[in-house]
Amino acid sequence: MKWVTRKNASVDRIACPWLIKRFIDPEAEFLYVPAPEVTAVAERDAAIPYDVGGVELGHIDGRCSFESIILKYALKDPALDRLALIVHGADVPADSGITPEAAGLKAIAHGFAMLHGEDDHHKIALETPMYDALYTWCQHQAGRAKPA
């Protein structure tokens, strides 16, 4: 399965490939193109567009793309829910205070973007272990939570 989004990725456009590879399609391919080309590339390559205006897997109804993917693919996991809050806060400036971890993720993700510019595949490779670790932390936190 191919997925396409805007190039020069940061928080959401790197977190989404992690989510997709871990929970939806381990063989997924990601294409990063200039924003005006996303629709044409999606049609030409039969790729699923994400994190771009006007698509189902984008910022819709207050969700970031990471959350839209979780909803679309019915991923039920308390640790993913916790991680989604962190990604949301790191990606959506108006909600940066939604959870304290969001500020740290934002700083780290933007640091990777500054270091590696438009080399989006390299950023995915470098940040994947960070998302694995953050997800593991979220699993631990979810395990400690007491049911309401």
C-alpha atoms as a PDB file:
ATOM      1  CA  MET A   1       0.000   0.000   0.000  1.00  0.00           C
ATOM      2  CA  LYS A   2       1.320   3.486  -0.878  1.00  0.00           C
ATOM      3  CA  TRP A   3       0.649   6.629   1.106  1.00  0.00           C
ATOM      4  CA  VAL A   4       1.325  10.205   0.023  1.00  0.00           C
ATOM      5  CA  THR A   5       1.622  13.527   1.820  1.00  0.00           C
ATOM      6  CA  ARG A   6       3.409  16.860   1.694  1.00  0.00           C
ATOM      7  CA  LYS A   7       7.187  16.917   1.800  1.00  0.00           C
ATOM      8  CA  ASN A   8       9.271  18.478   4.585  1.00  0.00           C
ATOM      9  CA  ALA A   9       7.511  16.468   7.285  1.00  0.00           C
ATOM     10  CA  SER A  10       7.559  17.110  10.987  1.00  0.00           C
ATOM     11  CA  VAL A  11       5.363  15.837  13.836  1.00  0.00           C
ATOM     12  CA  ASP A  12       2.166  14.393  12.298  1.00  0.00           C
ATOM     13  CA  ARG A  13       3.650  13.432   8.922  1.00  0.00           C
ATOM     14  CA  ILE A  14       6.339  11.348  10.672  1.00  0.00           C
ATOM     15  CA  ALA A  15       4.100   9.948  13.438  1.00  0.00           C
ATOM     16  CA  CYS A  16       1.564   8.718  10.861  1.00  0.00           C
ATOM     17  CA  PRO A  17       4.055   6.474   9.000  1.00  0.00           C
ATOM     18  CA  TRP A  18       5.107   4.994  12.349  1.00  0.00           C
ATOM     19  CA  LEU A  19       1.436   4.278  13.157  1.00  0.00           C
ATOM     20  CA  ILE A  20       0.707   2.845   9.712  1.00  0.00           C
ATOM     21  CA  LYS A  21       3.771   0.559   9.665  1.00  0.00           C
ATOM     22  CA  ARG A  22       3.178  -0.687  13.222  1.00  0.00           C
ATOM     23  CA  PHE A  23      -0.587  -1.205  13.151  1.00  0.00           C
ATOM     24  CA  ILE A  24      -1.938  -1.187   9.585  1.00  0.00           C
ATOM     25  CA  ASP A  25       0.601  -2.157   6.920  1.00  0.00           C
ATOM     26  CA  PRO A  26       4.208  -3.126   7.773  1.00  0.00           C
ATOM     27  CA  GLU A  27       5.109  -2.963   4.063  1.00  0.00           C
ATOM     28  CA  ALA A  28       3.682   0.532   3.503  1.00  0.00           C
ATOM     29  CA  GLU A  29       5.538   2.907   1.175  1.00  0.00           C
ATOM     30  CA  PHE A  30       5.524   6.652   1.805  1.00  0.00           C
ATOM     31  CA  LEU A  31       5.740   9.335  -0.846  1.00  0.00           C
ATOM     32  CA  TYR A  32       6.558  12.932   0.039  1.00  0.00           C
ATOM     33  CA  VAL A  33       5.785  15.482  -2.650  1.00  0.00           C
ATOM     34  CA  PRO A  34       5.093  19.221  -2.949  1.00  0.00           C
ATOM     35  CA  ALA A  35       1.642  19.977  -1.507  1.00  0.00           C
ATOM     36  CA  PRO A  36       0.035  20.904  -4.843  1.00  0.00           C
ATOM     37  CA  GLU A  37       1.050  17.490  -6.265  1.00  0.00           C
ATOM     38  CA  VAL A  38      -0.436  15.261  -3.546  1.00  0.00           C
ATOM     39  CA  THR A  39      -3.789  14.693  -5.273  1.00  0.00           C
ATOM     40  CA  ALA A  40      -2.251  13.933  -8.672  1.00  0.00           C
ATOM     41  CA  VAL A  41       0.328  11.559  -7.172  1.00  0.00           C
ATOM     42  CA  ALA A  42      -2.378   9.831  -5.105  1.00  0.00           C
ATOM     43  CA  GLU A  43      -4.387   9.199  -8.280  1.00  0.00           C
ATOM     44  CA  ARG A  44      -1.412   8.227 -10.428  1.00  0.00           C
ATOM     45  CA  ASP A  45       0.149   5.856  -7.879  1.00  0.00           C
ATOM     46  CA  ALA A  46      -3.066   4.633  -6.215  1.00  0.00           C
ATOM     47  CA  ALA A  47      -1.705   6.073  -2.966  1.00  0.00           C
ATOM     48  CA  ILE A  48      -3.693   7.064   0.101  1.00  0.00           C
ATOM     49  CA  PRO A  49      -3.308  10.782   0.834  1.00  0.00           C
ATOM     50  CA  TYR A  50      -2.878  11.908   4.434  1.00  0.00           C
ATOM     51  CA  ASP A  51      -2.173  15.102   6.367  1.00  0.00           C
ATOM     52  CA  VAL A  52      -3.152  17.400   3.535  1.00  0.00           C
ATOM     53  CA  GLY A  53      -6.217  19.596   3.215  1.00  0.00           C
ATOM     54  CA  GLY A  54      -9.455  18.065   2.009  1.00  0.00           C
ATOM     55  CA  VAL A  55      -8.648  14.396   2.638  1.00  0.00           C
ATOM     56  CA  GLU A  56     -10.271  11.911   4.996  1.00  0.00           C
ATOM     57  CA  LEU A  57      -7.008  11.223   6.840  1.00  0.00           C
ATOM     58  CA  GLY A  58      -6.216  14.828   7.629  1.00  0.00           C
ATOM     59  CA  HIS A  59      -7.065  17.431  10.223  1.00  0.00           C
ATOM     60  CA  ILE A  60     -10.831  16.956  10.520  1.00  0.00           C
ATOM     61  CA  ASP A  61     -13.288  17.825  13.304  1.00  0.00           C
ATOM     62  CA  GLY A  62     -10.479  18.903  15.628  1.00  0.00           C
ATOM     63  CA  ARG A  63      -8.412  15.752  15.035  1.00  0.00           C
ATOM     64  CA  CYS A  64      -4.882  15.639  13.690  1.00  0.00           C
ATOM     65  CA  SER A  65      -4.081  13.123  10.948  1.00  0.00           C
ATOM     66  CA  PHE A  66      -2.695  10.587  13.450  1.00  0.00           C
ATOM     67  CA  GLU A  67      -6.059  10.595  15.230  1.00  0.00           C
ATOM     68  CA  SER A  68      -7.973  10.393  11.939  1.00  0.00           C
ATOM     69  CA  ILE A  69      -6.022   7.258  11.003  1.00  0.00           C
ATOM     70  CA  ILE A  70      -6.733   5.676  14.400  1.00  0.00           C
ATOM     71  CA  LEU A  71     -10.442   6.400  13.903  1.00  0.00           C
ATOM     72  CA  LYS A  72     -10.596   5.195  10.266  1.00  0.00           C
ATOM     73  CA  TYR A  73      -8.834   1.906  11.022  1.00  0.00           C
ATOM     74  CA  ALA A  74     -10.670   1.381  14.349  1.00  0.00           C
ATOM     75  CA  LEU A  75      -7.462   0.959  16.333  1.00  0.00           C
ATOM     76  CA  LYS A  76      -8.535   0.314  19.923  1.00  0.00           C
ATOM     77  CA  ASP A  77      -5.579   0.628  22.281  1.00  0.00           C
ATOM     78  CA  PRO A  78      -5.350   2.811  25.413  1.00  0.00           C
ATOM     79  CA  ALA A  79      -1.625   3.352  24.801  1.00  0.00           C
ATOM     80  CA  LEU A  80      -2.321   4.588  21.258  1.00  0.00           C
ATOM     81  CA  ASP A  81      -4.985   6.895  22.653  1.00  0.00           C
ATOM     82  CA  ARG A  82      -2.410   8.361  25.033  1.00  0.00           C
ATOM     83  CA  LEU A  83       0.144   8.680  22.234  1.00  0.00           C
ATOM     84  CA  ALA A  84      -2.490  10.347  20.030  1.00  0.00           C
ATOM     85  CA  LEU A  85      -2.957  13.070  22.672  1.00  0.00           C
ATOM     86  CA  ILE A  86       0.785  13.699  22.698  1.00  0.00           C
ATOM     87  CA  VAL A  87       1.019  13.828  18.892  1.00  0.00           C
ATOM     88  CA  HIS A  88      -2.060  16.073  18.742  1.00  0.00           C
ATOM     89  CA  GLY A  89      -0.596  18.531  21.247  1.00  0.00           C
ATOM     90  CA  ALA A  90       2.756  18.563  19.467  1.00  0.00           C
ATOM     91  CA  ASP A  91       1.131  19.130  16.064  1.00  0.00           C
ATOM     92  CA  VAL A  92      -1.801  21.474  16.757  1.00  0.00           C
ATOM     93  CA  PRO A  93      -0.550  24.805  18.160  1.00  0.00           C
ATOM     94  CA  ALA A  94      -3.914  25.696  19.731  1.00  0.00           C
ATOM     95  CA  ASP A  95      -3.804  22.466  21.779  1.00  0.00           C
ATOM     96  CA  SER A  96      -0.134  22.458  22.785  1.00  0.00           C
ATOM     97  CA  GLY A  97      -1.029  22.237  26.481  1.00  0.00           C
ATOM     98  CA  ILE A  98      -3.257  19.154  26.097  1.00  0.00           C
ATOM     99  CA  THR A  99      -0.587  16.986  27.763  1.00  0.00           C
ATOM    100  CA  PRO A 100       2.856  17.917  29.129  1.00  0.00           C
ATOM    101  CA  GLU A 101       4.674  15.417  26.894  1.00  0.00           C
ATOM    102  CA  ALA A 102       3.483  17.263  23.775  1.00  0.00           C
ATOM    103  CA  ALA A 103       6.012  20.059  24.255  1.00  0.00           C
ATOM    104  CA  GLY A 104       8.881  17.580  24.386  1.00  0.00           C
ATOM    105  CA  LEU A 105       7.716  15.738  21.271  1.00  0.00           C
ATOM    106  CA  LYS A 106       7.285  19.029  19.424  1.00  0.00           C
ATOM    107  CA  ALA A 107      10.821  20.116  20.310  1.00  0.00           C
ATOM    108  CA  ILE A 108      12.347  16.780  19.302  1.00  0.00           C
ATOM    109  CA  ALA A 109      10.345  16.438  16.060  1.00  0.00           C
ATOM    110  CA  HIS A 110      11.142  19.996  15.007  1.00  0.00           C
ATOM    111  CA  GLY A 111      14.796  19.400  15.875  1.00  0.00           C
ATOM    112  CA  PHE A 112      14.860  16.403  13.517  1.00  0.00           C
ATOM    113  CA  ALA A 113      13.191  18.560  10.848  1.00  0.00           C
ATOM    114  CA  MET A 114      15.830  21.277  11.299  1.00  0.00           C
ATOM    115  CA  LEU A 115      18.675  18.775  11.154  1.00  0.00           C
ATOM    116  CA  HIS A 116      17.458  16.770   8.173  1.00  0.00           C
ATOM    117  CA  GLY A 117      15.313  19.207   6.178  1.00  0.00           C
ATOM    118  CA  GLU A 118      13.378  17.553   3.369  1.00  0.00           C
ATOM    119  CA  ASP A 119      14.984  14.112   3.786  1.00  0.00           C
ATOM    120  CA  ASP A 120      11.674  12.745   5.039  1.00  0.00           C
ATOM    121  CA  HIS A 121      12.544   9.049   4.723  1.00  0.00           C
ATOM    122  CA  HIS A 122      15.667   9.595   6.810  1.00  0.00           C
ATOM    123  CA  LYS A 123      13.560  11.355   9.456  1.00  0.00           C
ATOM    124  CA  ILE A 124      11.176   8.370   9.540  1.00  0.00           C
ATOM    125  CA  ALA A 125      14.125   6.003  10.013  1.00  0.00           C
ATOM    126  CA  LEU A 126      15.619   8.113  12.792  1.00  0.00           C
ATOM    127  CA  GLU A 127      12.381   8.890  14.613  1.00  0.00           C
ATOM    128  CA  THR A 128      10.822   5.415  14.480  1.00  0.00           C
ATOM    129  CA  PRO A 129      12.758   4.213  17.568  1.00  0.00           C
ATOM    130  CA  MET A 130      11.644   7.359  19.398  1.00  0.00           C
ATOM    131  CA  TYR A 131       7.982   6.573  18.627  1.00  0.00           C
ATOM    132  CA  ASP A 132       8.554   2.942  19.647  1.00  0.00           C
ATOM    133  CA  ALA A 133       9.930   4.161  22.977  1.00  0.00           C
ATOM    134  CA  LEU A 134       7.144   6.702  23.470  1.00  0.00           C
ATOM    135  CA  TYR A 135       4.523   4.053  22.676  1.00  0.00           C
ATOM    136  CA  THR A 136       6.144   1.701  25.208  1.00  0.00           C
ATOM    137  CA  TRP A 137       6.021   4.484  27.783  1.00  0.00           C
ATOM    138  CA  CYS A 138       2.331   5.042  26.917  1.00  0.00           C
ATOM    139  CA  GLN A 139       1.666   1.309  27.380  1.00  0.00           C
ATOM    140  CA  HIS A 140       3.263   1.503  30.809  1.00  0.00           C
ATOM    141  CA  GLN A 141       1.206   4.594  31.690  1.00  0.00           C
ATOM    142  CA  ALA A 142      -2.013   2.991  30.420  1.00  0.00           C
ATOM    143  CA  GLY A 143      -1.290  -0.101  32.502  1.00  0.00           C
ATOM    144  CA  ARG A 144      -0.975   2.046  35.607  1.00  0.00           C
ATOM    145  CA  ALA A 145      -4.258   3.884  35.022  1.00  0.00           C
ATOM    146  CA  LYS A 146      -7.140   2.827  37.177  1.00  0.00           C
ATOM    147  CA  PRO A 147     -10.434   2.107  35.369  1.00  0.00           C
ATOM    148  CA  ALA A 148     -13.087   4.787  35.902  1.00  0.00           C
END
